[in-house]
Amino acid sequence: MKKLVGEPLVHFALIGAALFVLYGLVNDDGLAGTDNEIMVSAGRIEQLVSIFQKTWQRPPTVDELKSLIDDFVLEEVYYRQAIAMGIDRNDAVIRRRLRQKLEFLTDDMAAALSPTDADLAAHIAANPQAFKTDTTYTFSQVFVDPNRTGDDRLVSDTLTQLRNGDLSPQGYGLLPAYFEFAPAQTIDGTFGAGFSQSLDKLETGQWTGPVESGFGVHLILLQERVPGFVPELADIRPIVEREWANEKRTETRQTINEKLLTDYDVVIEWPAG
């Protein structure tokens, strides 16, 4: 069944059917009767009671229920009168709300689709960077006083001391002296954008530098660098399913947009100049 649902032709058929279903959903407002008659359905009354109970944590009294129904009927009268007078036309708020409601309904149609393992695997293959883990870094660092970064000899002497073991790494302010398996995002968030890329250029196993950050200059002992990788589907299935669903929702909405537009001739009168 999942394989059948995943077929493109089935998707298109579902979308076509969705347009007819949507029309029924939008027009199923719990009312009946002719244009001049308002008959409130039992389902609508149950909905009014449910809303009241959630708000007040108790069912409405007979008088309260009658008041709810009277208010709903009056709202319907005002709604029909406003439509008849054309008040809804050219109102940006109303237009936006109606579009939003229709988009919510089309999104629900897309949510009914279920991916197969092959669908998810193909999605990973087409979007590897979206699921790839960060490269992680294990390193020690010594921060050179930003007030003295112009002193090249200070940087050189400090580097020599570190290589000879005459100086131990130490933190500076909020910058720790040691990072273990820190992801690139964390490194860049700590030292500034692009700092992790500087670490990619360093050899492991010896003190080197200077490496510049948003704070100033650092000397680095890179001990280990573990490149990012794309995990197996079993390890990230919920994430892939969510991203696959987002993509299908976008595709479904685009297809419905194109289908709706075929019923209209669009004429654009560009302003002069």
Protein backbone atom coordinates (compact mmCIF):
# COMPACT_ATOMS: atom_id res chain seq x y z
CA MET A 1 0.00 0.00 0.00
CA LYS A 2 2.83 2.41 0.88
CA LYS A 3 4.48 1.72 -2.49
CA LEU A 4 1.22 2.53 -4.27
CA VAL A 5 0.79 5.79 -2.34
CA GLY A 6 4.32 6.78 -3.29
CA GLU A 7 3.67 6.64 -7.04
CA PRO A 8 3.60 10.08 -8.79
CA LEU A 9 0.41 9.21 -10.70
CA VAL A 10 -1.32 8.43 -7.43
CA HIS A 11 -0.10 11.76 -6.04
CA PHE A 12 -1.61 13.59 -9.00
CA ALA A 13 -4.90 11.73 -8.67
CA LEU A 14 -5.04 12.55 -4.96
CA ILE A 15 -4.41 16.20 -5.69
CA GLY A 16 -7.15 16.29 -8.30
CA ALA A 17 -9.58 14.67 -5.88
CA ALA A 18 -8.41 17.02 -3.15
CA LEU A 19 -9.74 20.04 -5.05
CA PHE A 20 -13.25 18.59 -4.99
CA VAL A 21 -12.92 17.52 -1.34
CA LEU A 22 -11.66 20.97 -0.39
CA TYR A 23 -14.70 22.60 -1.92
CA GLY A 24 -16.93 20.38 0.17
CA LEU A 25 -14.95 21.06 3.35
CA VAL A 26 -14.96 24.80 2.87
CA ASN A 27 -18.71 24.84 2.25
CA ASP A 28 -19.56 22.41 5.08
CA ASP A 29 -20.27 25.07 7.69
CA GLY A 30 -22.93 23.34 9.72
CA LEU A 31 -25.77 25.31 8.12
CA ALA A 32 -28.67 24.21 5.96
CA GLY A 33 -31.62 25.76 4.15
CA THR A 34 -32.09 28.24 1.34
CA ASP A 35 -30.45 31.64 0.92
CA ASN A 36 -33.19 33.20 3.06
CA GLU A 37 -33.34 30.38 5.61
CA ILE A 38 -30.87 29.64 8.39
CA MET A 39 -31.11 26.20 9.98
CA VAL A 40 -28.39 25.40 12.50
CA SER A 41 -27.36 21.74 12.33
CA ALA A 42 -26.98 19.40 15.30
CA GLY A 43 -23.28 19.14 14.52
CA ARG A 44 -22.88 22.91 14.77
CA ILE A 45 -24.68 22.95 18.14
CA GLU A 46 -22.35 20.22 19.41
CA GLN A 47 -19.40 22.32 18.31
CA LEU A 48 -20.75 25.39 20.14
CA VAL A 49 -21.23 23.31 23.29
CA SER A 50 -17.72 21.86 22.99
CA ILE A 51 -16.13 25.30 22.65
CA PHE A 52 -18.09 26.55 25.68
CA GLN A 53 -17.00 23.54 27.76
CA LYS A 54 -13.33 24.02 26.91
CA THR A 55 -13.56 27.69 27.85
CA TRP A 56 -15.60 27.45 31.08
CA GLN A 57 -14.90 23.82 32.10
CA ARG A 58 -18.64 23.06 32.28
CA PRO A 59 -21.55 22.57 29.89
CA PRO A 60 -23.75 25.57 29.10
CA THR A 61 -27.12 26.03 30.73
CA VAL A 62 -30.25 26.03 28.55
CA ASP A 63 -30.30 29.82 28.49
CA GLU A 64 -26.58 30.00 27.71
CA LEU A 65 -26.97 27.51 24.87
CA LYS A 66 -29.84 29.51 23.43
CA SER A 67 -27.66 32.63 23.64
CA LEU A 68 -24.82 30.84 21.83
CA ILE A 69 -27.16 29.75 19.03
CA ASP A 70 -28.74 33.21 18.77
CA ASP A 71 -25.29 34.78 18.50
CA PHE A 72 -24.21 32.29 15.85
CA VAL A 73 -27.37 32.94 13.81
CA LEU A 74 -26.83 36.69 14.05
CA GLU A 75 -23.22 36.22 12.96
CA GLU A 76 -24.45 34.25 9.93
CA VAL A 77 -26.93 36.99 9.07
CA TYR A 78 -24.20 39.62 9.20
CA TYR A 79 -21.91 37.37 7.16
CA ARG A 80 -24.49 36.87 4.41
CA GLN A 81 -25.34 40.55 4.38
CA ALA A 82 -21.67 41.52 4.13
CA ILE A 83 -21.15 39.09 1.22
CA ALA A 84 -24.25 40.42 -0.53
CA MET A 85 -22.94 43.99 -0.16
CA GLY A 86 -19.51 42.95 -1.44
CA ILE A 87 -17.74 44.09 1.74
CA ASP A 88 -15.37 41.11 1.51
CA ARG A 89 -13.99 42.27 -1.84
CA ASN A 90 -10.60 43.93 -2.03
CA ASP A 91 -10.06 43.37 1.69
CA ALA A 92 -6.46 42.24 2.13
CA VAL A 93 -7.07 40.66 5.55
CA ILE A 94 -10.02 38.58 4.35
CA ARG A 95 -8.21 37.54 1.16
CA ARG A 96 -5.15 36.48 3.14
CA ARG A 97 -7.21 34.51 5.67
CA LEU A 98 -9.13 32.64 2.98
CA ARG A 99 -5.94 31.76 1.14
CA GLN A 100 -4.38 30.59 4.40
CA LYS A 101 -7.38 28.39 5.20
CA LEU A 102 -7.28 26.77 1.76
CA GLU A 103 -3.52 26.19 2.06
CA PHE A 104 -4.02 24.51 5.44
CA LEU A 105 -6.50 22.14 3.84
CA THR A 106 -4.16 21.31 0.95
CA ASP A 107 -1.36 20.68 3.45
CA ASP A 108 -3.59 18.16 5.21
CA MET A 109 -4.00 16.35 1.90
CA ALA A 110 -0.21 16.18 1.47
CA ALA A 111 0.17 14.86 5.03
CA ALA A 112 -1.78 11.75 4.01
CA LEU A 113 1.14 10.59 1.84
CA SER A 114 3.44 7.98 3.40
CA PRO A 115 7.07 7.52 2.27
CA THR A 116 8.73 4.17 1.63
CA ASP A 117 12.31 3.43 2.67
CA ALA A 118 13.30 3.96 -0.96
CA ASP A 119 11.64 7.40 -0.94
CA LEU A 120 13.57 8.41 2.19
CA ALA A 121 16.85 7.01 0.90
CA ALA A 122 16.41 8.95 -2.35
CA HIS A 123 15.69 12.11 -0.38
CA ILE A 124 18.92 11.70 1.59
CA ALA A 125 20.88 11.09 -1.61
CA ALA A 126 19.44 14.24 -3.18
CA ASN A 127 20.05 16.40 -0.08
CA PRO A 128 23.15 15.02 1.69
CA GLN A 129 24.19 18.37 3.22
CA ALA A 130 20.85 18.64 5.01
CA PHE A 131 21.61 15.49 7.03
CA LYS A 132 25.40 15.52 7.23
CA THR A 133 26.81 15.82 10.76
CA ASP A 134 29.20 18.60 11.68
CA THR A 135 32.94 18.01 11.61
CA THR A 136 34.16 17.83 15.22
CA TYR A 137 37.44 19.14 16.62
CA THR A 138 39.52 18.31 19.68
CA PHE A 139 42.17 20.95 20.37
CA SER A 140 43.91 23.14 22.91
CA GLN A 141 44.40 26.87 22.44
CA VAL A 142 46.31 29.79 23.89
CA PHE A 143 44.96 33.26 23.38
CA VAL A 144 47.45 36.07 22.74
CA ASP A 145 46.53 39.36 24.43
CA PRO A 146 44.70 41.46 21.81
CA ASN A 147 46.50 44.56 23.12
CA ARG A 148 49.81 43.04 22.06
CA THR A 149 48.93 41.20 18.85
CA GLY A 150 51.13 43.63 16.93
CA ASP A 151 54.17 42.16 18.67
CA ASP A 152 55.19 39.34 16.30
CA ARG A 153 57.96 38.29 18.64
CA LEU A 154 55.46 37.65 21.44
CA VAL A 155 53.54 35.23 19.20
CA SER A 156 56.76 33.52 18.08
CA ASP A 157 58.17 33.20 21.64
CA THR A 158 54.86 31.86 22.97
CA LEU A 159 54.70 29.30 20.18
CA THR A 160 58.26 28.16 20.97
CA GLN A 161 57.44 27.77 24.66
CA LEU A 162 54.37 25.72 23.87
CA ARG A 163 56.28 23.41 21.54
CA ASN A 164 59.01 22.95 24.16
CA GLY A 165 56.47 22.22 26.89
CA ASP A 166 57.46 25.30 28.87
CA LEU A 167 53.95 26.77 28.79
CA SER A 168 50.56 25.17 29.48
CA PRO A 169 47.33 26.11 27.69
CA GLN A 170 45.05 28.34 29.67
CA GLY A 171 41.68 29.91 29.05
CA TYR A 172 40.99 33.56 28.58
CA GLY A 173 37.74 35.06 29.84
CA LEU A 174 34.90 32.93 28.44
CA LEU A 175 37.27 31.07 26.08
CA PRO A 176 38.24 27.67 27.51
CA ALA A 177 41.72 26.29 26.93
CA TYR A 178 40.48 22.88 25.73
CA PHE A 179 37.72 21.70 23.36
CA GLU A 180 36.82 18.02 22.97
CA PHE A 181 34.82 16.77 19.96
CA ALA A 182 33.34 20.24 19.53
CA PRO A 183 31.18 20.54 16.36
CA ALA A 184 31.97 23.21 13.77
CA GLN A 185 28.80 25.11 14.62
CA THR A 186 29.86 25.38 18.27
CA ILE A 187 33.40 26.43 17.32
CA ASP A 188 32.17 29.17 15.00
CA GLY A 189 29.66 30.29 17.61
CA THR A 190 32.48 30.65 20.14
CA PHE A 191 35.33 32.12 18.09
CA GLY A 192 33.43 33.70 15.20
CA ALA A 193 32.23 32.63 11.77
CA GLY A 194 34.83 30.77 9.72
CA PHE A 195 37.12 29.78 12.60
CA SER A 196 36.40 26.07 12.07
CA GLN A 197 37.54 26.44 8.44
CA SER A 198 40.87 27.72 9.74
CA LEU A 199 41.18 24.56 11.85
CA ASP A 200 40.64 22.47 8.69
CA LYS A 201 43.93 23.84 7.34
CA LEU A 202 46.01 22.80 10.38
CA GLU A 203 48.04 19.63 10.83
CA THR A 204 47.34 17.56 13.92
CA GLY A 205 49.83 16.82 16.67
CA GLN A 206 51.78 20.06 17.04
CA TRP A 207 51.30 23.63 18.15
CA THR A 208 50.80 26.01 15.27
CA GLY A 209 49.54 29.49 14.54
CA PRO A 210 48.74 32.23 14.69
CA VAL A 211 45.07 31.64 13.88
CA GLU A 212 42.86 34.71 13.90
CA SER A 213 39.38 34.90 15.43
CA GLY A 214 36.92 37.63 16.31
CA PHE A 215 38.84 38.09 19.58
CA GLY A 216 42.35 38.29 18.23
CA VAL A 217 45.12 35.70 17.75
CA HIS A 218 45.31 32.09 18.94
CA LEU A 219 47.93 29.36 18.98
CA ILE A 220 46.39 25.95 18.39
CA LEU A 221 47.27 22.33 19.15
CA LEU A 222 44.83 20.36 16.99
CA GLN A 223 44.69 16.82 18.37
CA GLU A 224 41.86 15.29 16.34
CA ARG A 225 39.51 16.25 13.54
CA VAL A 226 36.57 13.94 12.72
CA PRO A 227 34.96 14.79 9.36
CA GLY A 228 31.18 15.06 9.17
CA PHE A 229 29.24 12.20 7.58
CA VAL A 230 25.71 11.29 6.51
CA PRO A 231 24.21 8.86 9.10
CA GLU A 232 22.31 5.72 8.17
CA LEU A 233 18.58 6.10 7.55
CA ALA A 234 17.73 4.08 10.67
CA ASP A 235 19.58 6.62 12.83
CA ILE A 236 17.82 9.72 11.45
CA ARG A 237 14.49 8.38 10.16
CA PRO A 238 12.25 10.90 12.04
CA ILE A 239 14.30 13.82 10.69
CA VAL A 240 14.24 12.50 7.12
CA GLU A 241 10.50 11.78 7.29
CA ARG A 242 9.87 15.35 8.45
CA GLU A 243 11.98 16.85 5.66
CA TRP A 244 10.44 14.53 3.06
CA ALA A 245 6.96 15.56 4.23
CA ASN A 246 7.91 19.24 3.98
CA GLU A 247 9.12 18.74 0.42
CA LYS A 248 5.96 16.86 -0.58
CA ARG A 249 3.80 19.54 1.00
CA THR A 250 5.61 22.17 -1.08
CA GLU A 251 5.28 20.07 -4.25
CA THR A 252 1.59 19.40 -3.61
CA ARG A 253 0.85 23.08 -3.01
CA GLN A 254 2.73 24.04 -6.19
CA THR A 255 0.81 21.45 -8.22
CA ILE A 256 -2.52 22.66 -6.85
CA ASN A 257 -1.53 26.27 -7.56
CA GLU A 258 -0.78 25.38 -11.17
CA LYS A 259 -4.05 23.45 -11.46
CA LEU A 260 -6.08 26.36 -10.08
CA LEU A 261 -4.35 28.87 -12.35
CA THR A 262 -5.34 26.91 -15.47
CA ASP A 263 -8.97 27.95 -14.85
CA TYR A 264 -8.15 31.66 -15.13
CA ASP A 265 -6.87 34.07 -17.75
CA VAL A 266 -4.46 36.40 -15.98
CA VAL A 267 -4.13 39.89 -17.46
CA ILE A 268 -1.56 42.24 -15.96
CA GLU A 269 -1.70 45.94 -16.75
CA TRP A 270 1.79 47.20 -15.98
CA PRO A 271 1.99 50.89 -15.06
CA ALA A 272 3.61 53.16 -17.63
CA GLY A 273 7.38 53.28 -17.29
